[in-house]
N, C-alpha and C. Protein backbone atom coordinates (compact mmCIF):
# COMPACT_ATOMS: atom_id res chain seq x y z
N MET A 1 183.58 -45.29 214.91
CA MET A 1 183.19 -46.67 214.99
C MET A 1 181.77 -46.78 215.54
N LYS A 2 181.01 -47.69 215.01
CA LYS A 2 179.68 -47.93 215.53
C LYS A 2 179.78 -48.69 216.85
N ALA A 3 178.72 -48.60 217.65
CA ALA A 3 178.72 -49.28 218.95
C ALA A 3 178.80 -50.79 218.77
N THR A 4 178.15 -51.32 217.75
CA THR A 4 178.19 -52.76 217.52
C THR A 4 179.59 -53.21 217.15
N THR A 5 180.29 -52.42 216.36
CA THR A 5 181.64 -52.76 215.97
C THR A 5 182.57 -52.80 217.18
N THR A 6 182.40 -51.84 218.06
CA THR A 6 183.22 -51.80 219.28
C THR A 6 182.93 -53.01 220.15
N SER A 7 181.67 -53.36 220.31
CA SER A 7 181.29 -54.51 221.12
C SER A 7 181.87 -55.80 220.54
N LEU A 8 181.83 -55.92 219.23
CA LEU A 8 182.39 -57.11 218.59
C LEU A 8 183.90 -57.16 218.74
N ALA A 9 184.54 -56.00 218.68
CA ALA A 9 185.99 -55.96 218.85
C ALA A 9 186.39 -56.37 220.27
N VAL A 10 185.65 -55.89 221.26
CA VAL A 10 185.94 -56.26 222.65
C VAL A 10 185.69 -57.74 222.87
N THR A 11 184.60 -58.26 222.32
CA THR A 11 184.29 -59.68 222.46
C THR A 11 185.31 -60.55 221.75
N GLY A 12 185.71 -60.16 220.56
CA GLY A 12 186.72 -60.93 219.82
C GLY A 12 188.07 -60.92 220.50
N THR A 13 188.46 -59.76 221.03
CA THR A 13 189.72 -59.68 221.77
C THR A 13 189.67 -60.55 223.01
N GLY A 14 188.53 -60.52 223.70
CA GLY A 14 188.36 -61.37 224.88
C GLY A 14 188.41 -62.84 224.54
N ALA A 15 187.87 -63.22 223.40
CA ALA A 15 187.92 -64.62 222.99
C ALA A 15 189.36 -65.05 222.70
N ALA A 16 190.12 -64.17 222.07
CA ALA A 16 191.52 -64.48 221.78
C ALA A 16 192.33 -64.60 223.06
N VAL A 17 192.12 -63.69 223.99
CA VAL A 17 192.84 -63.73 225.27
C VAL A 17 192.42 -64.95 226.08
N SER A 18 191.14 -65.32 226.02
CA SER A 18 190.68 -66.52 226.71
C SER A 18 191.32 -67.77 226.14
N GLY A 19 191.46 -67.81 224.84
CA GLY A 19 192.15 -68.94 224.21
C GLY A 19 193.59 -69.03 224.65
N LEU A 20 194.26 -67.90 224.74
CA LEU A 20 195.64 -67.87 225.22
C LEU A 20 195.71 -68.34 226.67
N GLY A 21 194.77 -67.88 227.49
CA GLY A 21 194.75 -68.29 228.89
C GLY A 21 194.47 -69.77 229.06
N ALA A 22 193.59 -70.32 228.23
CA ALA A 22 193.30 -71.75 228.29
C ALA A 22 194.54 -72.57 227.87
N PHE A 23 195.28 -72.03 226.92
CA PHE A 23 196.50 -72.70 226.49
C PHE A 23 197.57 -72.68 227.58
N LEU A 24 197.57 -71.63 228.37
CA LEU A 24 198.59 -71.46 229.41
C LEU A 24 198.12 -71.88 230.81
N LEU A 25 197.07 -72.69 230.90
CA LEU A 25 196.53 -73.04 232.22
C LEU A 25 197.53 -73.75 233.12
N ARG A 26 198.48 -74.44 232.56
CA ARG A 26 199.49 -75.09 233.39
C ARG A 26 200.47 -74.09 233.98
N ASN A 27 200.52 -72.91 233.39
CA ASN A 27 201.43 -71.87 233.85
C ASN A 27 200.83 -71.17 235.07
N LYS A 28 201.66 -70.42 235.77
CA LYS A 28 201.23 -69.69 236.96
C LYS A 28 200.18 -68.62 236.62
N TRP A 29 200.29 -67.99 235.46
CA TRP A 29 199.43 -66.88 235.09
C TRP A 29 198.23 -67.29 234.23
N GLY A 30 198.11 -68.56 233.88
CA GLY A 30 197.08 -68.99 232.94
C GLY A 30 195.66 -68.71 233.40
N ALA A 31 195.37 -68.99 234.67
CA ALA A 31 194.00 -68.78 235.17
C ALA A 31 193.64 -67.30 235.18
N GLY A 32 194.59 -66.45 235.52
CA GLY A 32 194.33 -65.01 235.51
C GLY A 32 194.08 -64.48 234.12
N ILE A 33 194.86 -64.95 233.16
CA ILE A 33 194.69 -64.51 231.77
C ILE A 33 193.34 -65.01 231.23
N LEU A 34 192.98 -66.24 231.57
CA LEU A 34 191.69 -66.79 231.14
C LEU A 34 190.54 -65.98 231.72
N GLY A 35 190.61 -65.65 233.00
CA GLY A 35 189.56 -64.85 233.62
C GLY A 35 189.46 -63.46 233.04
N PHE A 36 190.61 -62.85 232.74
CA PHE A 36 190.63 -61.52 232.13
C PHE A 36 189.95 -61.56 230.76
N GLY A 37 190.24 -62.60 229.98
CA GLY A 37 189.61 -62.73 228.67
C GLY A 37 188.12 -62.98 228.76
N LEU A 38 187.72 -63.84 229.70
CA LEU A 38 186.29 -64.12 229.86
C LEU A 38 185.52 -62.88 230.33
N ALA A 39 186.15 -62.07 231.15
CA ALA A 39 185.51 -60.82 231.57
C ALA A 39 185.28 -59.90 230.38
N HIS A 40 186.24 -59.84 229.46
CA HIS A 40 186.05 -59.02 228.27
C HIS A 40 184.94 -59.56 227.37
N VAL A 41 184.84 -60.88 227.29
CA VAL A 41 183.76 -61.47 226.49
C VAL A 41 182.41 -61.09 227.09
N VAL A 42 182.28 -61.23 228.40
CA VAL A 42 181.01 -60.89 229.06
C VAL A 42 180.69 -59.41 228.90
N LEU A 43 181.67 -58.54 229.09
CA LEU A 43 181.41 -57.10 228.96
C LEU A 43 181.08 -56.71 227.52
N GLY A 44 181.72 -57.36 226.55
CA GLY A 44 181.40 -57.08 225.15
C GLY A 44 179.99 -57.50 224.78
N VAL A 45 179.56 -58.65 225.28
CA VAL A 45 178.20 -59.12 225.00
C VAL A 45 177.18 -58.23 225.70
N LEU A 46 177.45 -57.86 226.95
CA LEU A 46 176.53 -56.96 227.66
C LEU A 46 176.43 -55.61 226.96
N ASP A 47 177.52 -55.13 226.39
CA ASP A 47 177.50 -53.86 225.69
C ASP A 47 176.66 -53.93 224.43
N MET A 48 176.56 -55.10 223.82
CA MET A 48 175.73 -55.24 222.63
C MET A 48 174.25 -55.05 222.96
N PHE A 49 173.84 -55.43 224.17
CA PHE A 49 172.44 -55.37 224.55
C PHE A 49 172.08 -54.06 225.25
N ARG A 50 173.06 -53.23 225.49
CA ARG A 50 172.81 -51.95 226.16
C ARG A 50 172.10 -51.01 225.20
N PRO A 51 171.04 -50.35 225.66
CA PRO A 51 170.37 -49.39 224.76
C PRO A 51 171.25 -48.18 224.51
N SER A 52 171.28 -47.72 223.28
CA SER A 52 172.09 -46.56 222.94
C SER A 52 171.26 -45.29 223.14
N VAL A 53 171.93 -44.25 223.58
CA VAL A 53 171.27 -42.96 223.82
C VAL A 53 171.86 -41.98 222.81
N ARG A 54 170.99 -41.40 222.01
CA ARG A 54 171.43 -40.41 221.03
C ARG A 54 170.86 -39.06 221.42
N SER A 55 171.72 -38.05 221.42
CA SER A 55 171.23 -36.72 221.79
C SER A 55 171.21 -35.81 220.59
């Protein structure tokens, strides 16, 4: 897999989990699930801007 593909996969998964967490905000676990998804979105976007090192 290319690095861009992996970053997009992590960001997309984070967006899906964030949507689930937003849907479940009334539940006890909703805020935690939302935060977990948002963290994946942030890490996926940061990974897109990371310079790649080829040896």
